[in-house]
Amino acid sequence: MDRSFSSAGNIVIYSTGWSSDCRRVKMFMDELNVVYQEINIDEDEDAAQEVEGINAGARSVPTIVFSDNSTLTEPSREELISKLVDLGLIEDTSEGKS
């Protein structure tokens, strides 16, 4: 499957409807006003195969693909924040940063 990004955000979240981790990540991204495209792997077999390719055969969700083609699978809040800061999508508001 060719990962085609929407013009806004350039982030794809592969998810399922039943995963609480997927709901958590999407809610967090919405709170941060970060635009993403969601693809439900239960409804798209090509997307499910893409996730398996990223995750050594596992259908682990959420799997997030970023505009730089890097990925995070089942990320913690801190991992996701760090990546979004690195991409310049949010500001680093942690203490000690200038």
Foldseek 3Di string as FASTA:
>chain_A
DDDDFDPAQQKEWEAAPPDPLQVVVVVVCVVLVHDYHYDYCVVPVVVQVVCCVVVVHDSAPGWMAGNVRDIDGSDDPVVVVVVCCVVVNDPDPDPPDD
